[in-house]
């Protein structure tokens, strides 16, 4: 390639932490669940699949997926997680990206690193299959996404309280309207 061709070349959607540089166009709307919410892998299915339509960085997607698999019991307490290199090769993700996700899980207290042995699920991690636990995990993921946007915990708390209040106000308004129909005051 000549110098003129190099300067005219456009490198669109090249991600330095990916081994493949071409990115598919995201679908219109979200037609599938988030990567963290997909069912546990069965057989030889990969542990992690990149969600091309997500705005979240790859390491956050991977971290959320692994946290979900730990909390739902796919990875049991004390069980060894896939090695950094194998997960990197399986997901076609840069080794440093996987390392960052594992470090964040370790900081969160979900996994522990044993030098020369690998990463293991913390022994005190509790698995809760209740519907409330699933919603709590989604709430934690929302808080993490707000944090990734740069919001403080106080800002997130105010924002969520505002959302809850507006939902409560809308429900009260709807209930009052229904009562007016029963009372014949419409």
C-alpha atoms as a PDB file:
ATOM      1  CA  UNK A   1       0.000   0.000   0.000  1.00  0.00           C
ATOM      2  CA  UNK A   2       1.175   3.449  -0.791  1.00  0.00           C
ATOM      3  CA  UNK A   3       1.309   6.262   1.760  1.00  0.00           C
ATOM      4  CA  UNK A   4      -1.706   7.913   0.098  1.00  0.00           C
ATOM      5  CA  UNK A   5      -3.719   4.688   0.399  1.00  0.00           C
ATOM      6  CA  UNK A   6      -2.794   4.350   4.056  1.00  0.00           C
ATOM      7  CA  UNK A   7      -3.908   7.867   4.887  1.00  0.00           C
ATOM      8  CA  UNK A   8      -7.201   7.364   3.011  1.00  0.00           C
ATOM      9  CA  UNK A   9      -7.953   4.021   4.675  1.00  0.00           C
ATOM     10  CA  UNK A  10     -10.713   4.059   7.241  1.00  0.00           C
ATOM     11  CA  UNK A  11     -10.425   1.847  10.278  1.00  0.00           C
ATOM     12  CA  UNK A  12     -14.025   1.648  11.430  1.00  0.00           C
ATOM     13  CA  UNK A  13     -15.082  -0.282  14.512  1.00  0.00           C
ATOM     14  CA  UNK A  14     -11.621  -1.651  15.250  1.00  0.00           C
ATOM     15  CA  UNK A  15     -11.385  -2.618  18.889  1.00  0.00           C
ATOM     16  CA  UNK A  16      -7.841  -3.043  20.190  1.00  0.00           C
ATOM     17  CA  UNK A  17      -8.789  -5.633  22.814  1.00  0.00           C
ATOM     18  CA  UNK A  18     -10.482  -7.976  20.332  1.00  0.00           C
ATOM     19  CA  UNK A  19      -8.717 -10.578  18.236  1.00  0.00           C
ATOM     20  CA  UNK A  20     -11.183 -10.104  15.375  1.00  0.00           C
ATOM     21  CA  UNK A  21     -11.440  -6.517  14.172  1.00  0.00           C
ATOM     22  CA  UNK A  22     -14.697  -6.519  12.207  1.00  0.00           C
ATOM     23  CA  UNK A  23     -17.788  -5.753  14.230  1.00  0.00           C
ATOM     24  CA  UNK A  24     -21.260  -6.691  13.061  1.00  0.00           C
ATOM     25  CA  UNK A  25     -23.904  -3.990  12.950  1.00  0.00           C
ATOM     26  CA  UNK A  26     -26.047  -4.099  16.072  1.00  0.00           C
ATOM     27  CA  UNK A  27     -29.602  -5.317  15.545  1.00  0.00           C
ATOM     28  CA  UNK A  28     -32.537  -2.917  15.621  1.00  0.00           C
ATOM     29  CA  UNK A  29     -33.631  -2.931  19.264  1.00  0.00           C
ATOM     30  CA  UNK A  30     -32.598  -5.620  21.707  1.00  0.00           C
ATOM     31  CA  UNK A  31     -34.031  -8.888  20.414  1.00  0.00           C
ATOM     32  CA  UNK A  32     -32.194 -11.129  22.839  1.00  0.00           C
ATOM     33  CA  UNK A  33     -31.468 -11.018  26.568  1.00  0.00           C
ATOM     34  CA  UNK A  34     -28.316  -9.381  27.885  1.00  0.00           C
ATOM     35  CA  UNK A  35     -25.297 -11.677  27.944  1.00  0.00           C
ATOM     36  CA  UNK A  36     -25.393 -11.820  31.742  1.00  0.00           C
ATOM     37  CA  UNK A  37     -29.021 -13.018  31.711  1.00  0.00           C
ATOM     38  CA  UNK A  38     -28.683 -15.873  29.221  1.00  0.00           C
ATOM     39  CA  UNK A  39     -29.051 -19.402  30.571  1.00  0.00           C
ATOM     40  CA  UNK A  40     -26.059 -21.307  31.870  1.00  0.00           C
ATOM     41  CA  UNK A  41     -24.016 -23.017  29.158  1.00  0.00           C
ATOM     42  CA  UNK A  42     -24.781 -26.671  28.427  1.00  0.00           C
ATOM     43  CA  UNK A  43     -22.261 -29.191  27.170  1.00  0.00           C
ATOM     44  CA  UNK A  44     -19.609 -27.618  24.976  1.00  0.00           C
ATOM     45  CA  UNK A  45     -21.331 -24.213  24.733  1.00  0.00           C
ATOM     46  CA  UNK A  46     -19.039 -21.266  25.533  1.00  0.00           C
ATOM     47  CA  UNK A  47     -19.235 -19.692  28.981  1.00  0.00           C
ATOM     48  CA  UNK A  48     -19.295 -16.225  27.437  1.00  0.00           C
ATOM     49  CA  UNK A  49     -20.544 -14.841  24.142  1.00  0.00           C
ATOM     50  CA  UNK A  50     -19.929 -11.200  23.215  1.00  0.00           C
ATOM     51  CA  UNK A  51     -23.079  -9.090  22.964  1.00  0.00           C
ATOM     52  CA  UNK A  52     -22.262  -6.964  19.921  1.00  0.00           C
ATOM     53  CA  UNK A  53     -25.279  -4.689  20.506  1.00  0.00           C
ATOM     54  CA  UNK A  54     -24.232  -3.777  24.056  1.00  0.00           C
ATOM     55  CA  UNK A  55     -22.679  -0.450  24.902  1.00  0.00           C
ATOM     56  CA  UNK A  56     -20.865  -2.042  27.844  1.00  0.00           C
ATOM     57  CA  UNK A  57     -17.134  -2.699  27.510  1.00  0.00           C
ATOM     58  CA  UNK A  58     -16.192  -6.344  26.944  1.00  0.00           C
ATOM     59  CA  UNK A  59     -14.605  -6.720  30.367  1.00  0.00           C
ATOM     60  CA  UNK A  60     -17.843  -5.529  32.036  1.00  0.00           C
ATOM     61  CA  UNK A  61     -19.929  -7.932  29.929  1.00  0.00           C
ATOM     62  CA  UNK A  62     -17.607 -10.788  30.907  1.00  0.00           C
ATOM     63  CA  UNK A  63     -17.579  -9.770  34.563  1.00  0.00           C
ATOM     64  CA  UNK A  64     -21.403  -9.577  34.680  1.00  0.00           C
ATOM     65  CA  UNK A  65     -21.754 -12.955  32.964  1.00  0.00           C
ATOM     66  CA  UNK A  66     -19.347 -14.692  35.339  1.00  0.00           C
ATOM     67  CA  UNK A  67     -20.982 -13.036  38.376  1.00  0.00           C
ATOM     68  CA  UNK A  68     -24.376 -14.262  37.142  1.00  0.00           C
ATOM     69  CA  UNK A  69     -23.067 -17.824  36.671  1.00  0.00           C
ATOM     70  CA  UNK A  70     -21.560 -17.780  40.166  1.00  0.00           C
ATOM     71  CA  UNK A  71     -24.701 -16.394  41.816  1.00  0.00           C
ATOM     72  CA  UNK A  72     -26.988 -18.870  40.055  1.00  0.00           C
ATOM     73  CA  UNK A  73     -24.822 -21.828  41.076  1.00  0.00           C
ATOM     74  CA  UNK A  74     -23.377 -22.805  37.690  1.00  0.00           C
ATOM     75  CA  UNK A  75     -19.949 -22.328  39.263  1.00  0.00           C
ATOM     76  CA  UNK A  76     -20.088 -23.781  42.775  1.00  0.00           C
ATOM     77  CA  UNK A  77     -18.317 -22.400  45.857  1.00  0.00           C
ATOM     78  CA  UNK A  78     -14.675 -23.522  45.809  1.00  0.00           C
ATOM     79  CA  UNK A  79     -14.811 -24.548  42.140  1.00  0.00           C
ATOM     80  CA  UNK A  80     -12.011 -23.494  39.803  1.00  0.00           C
ATOM     81  CA  UNK A  81     -12.971 -21.039  37.054  1.00  0.00           C
ATOM     82  CA  UNK A  82     -11.736 -21.375  33.465  1.00  0.00           C
ATOM     83  CA  UNK A  83      -8.148 -20.221  33.084  1.00  0.00           C
ATOM     84  CA  UNK A  84      -7.439 -16.747  31.760  1.00  0.00           C
ATOM     85  CA  UNK A  85      -5.890 -18.152  28.602  1.00  0.00           C
ATOM     86  CA  UNK A  86      -8.653 -20.671  27.868  1.00  0.00           C
ATOM     87  CA  UNK A  87     -11.433 -18.110  28.405  1.00  0.00           C
ATOM     88  CA  UNK A  88      -9.512 -15.626  26.272  1.00  0.00           C
ATOM     89  CA  UNK A  89      -9.157 -18.157  23.442  1.00  0.00           C
ATOM     90  CA  UNK A  90     -12.734 -19.436  23.743  1.00  0.00           C
ATOM     91  CA  UNK A  91     -14.297 -15.963  23.635  1.00  0.00           C
ATOM     92  CA  UNK A  92     -11.739 -14.501  21.188  1.00  0.00           C
ATOM     93  CA  UNK A  93     -11.045 -11.796  23.764  1.00  0.00           C
ATOM     94  CA  UNK A  94      -7.704 -10.228  24.599  1.00  0.00           C
ATOM     95  CA  UNK A  95      -5.983 -11.809  27.610  1.00  0.00           C
ATOM     96  CA  UNK A  96      -5.785  -8.424  29.378  1.00  0.00           C
ATOM     97  CA  UNK A  97      -9.561  -7.946  29.045  1.00  0.00           C
ATOM     98  CA  UNK A  98     -10.219 -11.285  30.766  1.00  0.00           C
ATOM     99  CA  UNK A  99      -7.647 -10.394  33.435  1.00  0.00           C
ATOM    100  CA  UNK A 100      -9.454  -7.108  34.134  1.00  0.00           C
ATOM    101  CA  UNK A 101     -12.814  -8.885  34.513  1.00  0.00           C
ATOM    102  CA  UNK A 102     -11.292 -11.479  36.876  1.00  0.00           C
ATOM    103  CA  UNK A 103      -9.590  -8.759  38.947  1.00  0.00           C
ATOM    104  CA  UNK A 104     -12.909  -6.946  39.336  1.00  0.00           C
ATOM    105  CA  UNK A 105     -14.635 -10.164  40.432  1.00  0.00           C
ATOM    106  CA  UNK A 106     -11.853 -10.710  42.956  1.00  0.00           C
ATOM    107  CA  UNK A 107     -12.249  -7.167  44.291  1.00  0.00           C
ATOM    108  CA  UNK A 108     -16.012  -7.777  44.562  1.00  0.00           C
ATOM    109  CA  UNK A 109     -15.364 -10.814  46.742  1.00  0.00           C
ATOM    110  CA  UNK A 110     -16.844 -13.385  44.360  1.00  0.00           C
ATOM    111  CA  UNK A 111     -13.593 -15.128  43.447  1.00  0.00           C
ATOM    112  CA  UNK A 112     -10.147 -15.637  44.910  1.00  0.00           C
ATOM    113  CA  UNK A 113      -6.822 -15.969  43.085  1.00  0.00           C
ATOM    114  CA  UNK A 114      -4.420 -18.719  44.143  1.00  0.00           C
ATOM    115  CA  UNK A 115      -0.921 -18.103  42.798  1.00  0.00           C
ATOM    116  CA  UNK A 116       0.075 -20.807  40.338  1.00  0.00           C
ATOM    117  CA  UNK A 117      -3.291 -22.575  40.647  1.00  0.00           C
ATOM    118  CA  UNK A 118      -5.852 -20.239  39.082  1.00  0.00           C
ATOM    119  CA  UNK A 119      -9.070 -18.526  40.092  1.00  0.00           C
ATOM    120  CA  UNK A 120     -11.644 -20.105  42.393  1.00  0.00           C
ATOM    121  CA  UNK A 121     -15.158 -19.183  43.467  1.00  0.00           C
ATOM    122  CA  UNK A 122     -15.124 -17.853  47.053  1.00  0.00           C
ATOM    123  CA  UNK A 123     -16.291 -20.507  49.498  1.00  0.00           C
ATOM    124  CA  UNK A 124     -18.643 -18.094  51.289  1.00  0.00           C
ATOM    125  CA  UNK A 125     -20.594 -17.120  48.136  1.00  0.00           C
ATOM    126  CA  UNK A 126     -24.247 -17.898  48.670  1.00  0.00           C
ATOM    127  CA  UNK A 127     -26.468 -19.148  45.880  1.00  0.00           C
ATOM    128  CA  UNK A 128     -30.048 -17.942  46.018  1.00  0.00           C
ATOM    129  CA  UNK A 129     -32.464 -19.131  43.351  1.00  0.00           C
ATOM    130  CA  UNK A 130     -35.387 -17.049  44.634  1.00  0.00           C
ATOM    131  CA  UNK A 131     -37.066 -14.598  42.234  1.00  0.00           C
ATOM    132  CA  UNK A 132     -36.081 -11.727  44.545  1.00  0.00           C
ATOM    133  CA  UNK A 133     -32.431 -12.740  44.258  1.00  0.00           C
ATOM    134  CA  UNK A 134     -32.615 -12.642  40.473  1.00  0.00           C
ATOM    135  CA  UNK A 135     -34.117  -9.134  40.620  1.00  0.00           C
ATOM    136  CA  UNK A 136     -31.477  -8.083  43.172  1.00  0.00           C
ATOM    137  CA  UNK A 137     -28.755  -9.298  40.791  1.00  0.00           C
ATOM    138  CA  UNK A 138     -30.303  -7.247  37.968  1.00  0.00           C
ATOM    139  CA  UNK A 139     -30.486  -4.237  40.299  1.00  0.00           C
ATOM    140  CA  UNK A 140     -26.800  -4.670  41.152  1.00  0.00           C
ATOM    141  CA  UNK A 141     -26.044  -4.802  37.437  1.00  0.00           C
ATOM    142  CA  UNK A 142     -28.003  -1.554  36.904  1.00  0.00           C
ATOM    143  CA  UNK A 143     -26.054   0.117  39.715  1.00  0.00           C
ATOM    144  CA  UNK A 144     -22.789  -1.094  38.137  1.00  0.00           C
ATOM    145  CA  UNK A 145     -23.885   0.351  34.787  1.00  0.00           C
ATOM    146  CA  UNK A 146     -24.694   3.694  36.451  1.00  0.00           C
ATOM    147  CA  UNK A 147     -21.238   3.587  38.087  1.00  0.00           C
ATOM    148  CA  UNK A 148     -19.661   2.902  34.687  1.00  0.00           C
ATOM    149  CA  UNK A 149     -21.361   6.107  33.492  1.00  0.00           C
ATOM    150  CA  UNK A 150     -19.609   7.975  36.302  1.00  0.00           C
ATOM    151  CA  UNK A 151     -22.487   8.443  38.758  1.00  0.00           C
ATOM    152  CA  UNK A 152     -21.753   8.351  42.496  1.00  0.00           C
ATOM    153  CA  UNK A 153     -23.653   6.001  44.787  1.00  0.00           C
ATOM    154  CA  UNK A 154     -25.530   8.998  46.217  1.00  0.00           C
ATOM    155  CA  UNK A 155     -26.546  10.127  42.693  1.00  0.00           C
ATOM    156  CA  UNK A 156     -27.682   6.591  41.854  1.00  0.00           C
ATOM    157  CA  UNK A 157     -29.698   6.395  45.078  1.00  0.00           C
ATOM    158  CA  UNK A 158     -31.448   9.704  44.271  1.00  0.00           C
ATOM    159  CA  UNK A 159     -32.122   8.628  40.700  1.00  0.00           C
ATOM    160  CA  UNK A 160     -33.567   5.247  41.697  1.00  0.00           C
ATOM    161  CA  UNK A 161     -35.657   6.847  44.466  1.00  0.00           C
ATOM    162  CA  UNK A 162     -37.026   9.282  41.880  1.00  0.00           C
ATOM    163  CA  UNK A 163     -37.933   6.413  39.547  1.00  0.00           C
ATOM    164  CA  UNK A 164     -39.667   4.520  42.370  1.00  0.00           C
ATOM    165  CA  UNK A 165     -41.548   7.663  43.423  1.00  0.00           C
ATOM    166  CA  UNK A 166     -42.744   8.388  39.886  1.00  0.00           C
ATOM    167  CA  UNK A 167     -43.916   4.773  39.520  1.00  0.00           C
ATOM    168  CA  UNK A 168     -45.761   4.987  42.863  1.00  0.00           C
ATOM    169  CA  UNK A 169     -47.391   8.287  41.806  1.00  0.00           C
ATOM    170  CA  UNK A 170     -48.493   6.785  38.482  1.00  0.00           C
ATOM    171  CA  UNK A 171     -49.937   3.723  40.235  1.00  0.00           C
ATOM    172  CA  UNK A 172     -51.821   5.930  42.715  1.00  0.00           C
ATOM    173  CA  UNK A 173     -53.204   8.046  39.877  1.00  0.00           C
ATOM    174  CA  UNK A 174     -54.357   4.936  38.001  1.00  0.00           C
ATOM    175  CA  UNK A 175     -56.002   3.534  41.148  1.00  0.00           C
ATOM    176  CA  UNK A 176     -57.813   6.834  41.749  1.00  0.00           C
ATOM    177  CA  UNK A 177     -59.048   6.864  38.160  1.00  0.00           C
ATOM    178  CA  UNK A 178     -60.348   3.287  38.501  1.00  0.00           C
ATOM    179  CA  UNK A 179     -62.163   4.217  41.724  1.00  0.00           C
ATOM    180  CA  UNK A 180     -63.842   7.124  39.943  1.00  0.00           C
ATOM    181  CA  UNK A 181     -65.297   4.694  37.397  1.00  0.00           C
ATOM    182  CA  UNK A 182     -66.670   2.483  40.168  1.00  0.00           C
ATOM    183  CA  UNK A 183     -68.132   5.485  41.967  1.00  0.00           C
ATOM    184  CA  UNK A 184     -69.735   6.774  38.772  1.00  0.00           C
ATOM    185  CA  UNK A 185     -67.778  10.047  38.936  1.00  0.00           C
ATOM    186  CA  UNK A 186     -66.085   9.795  35.588  1.00  0.00           C
END
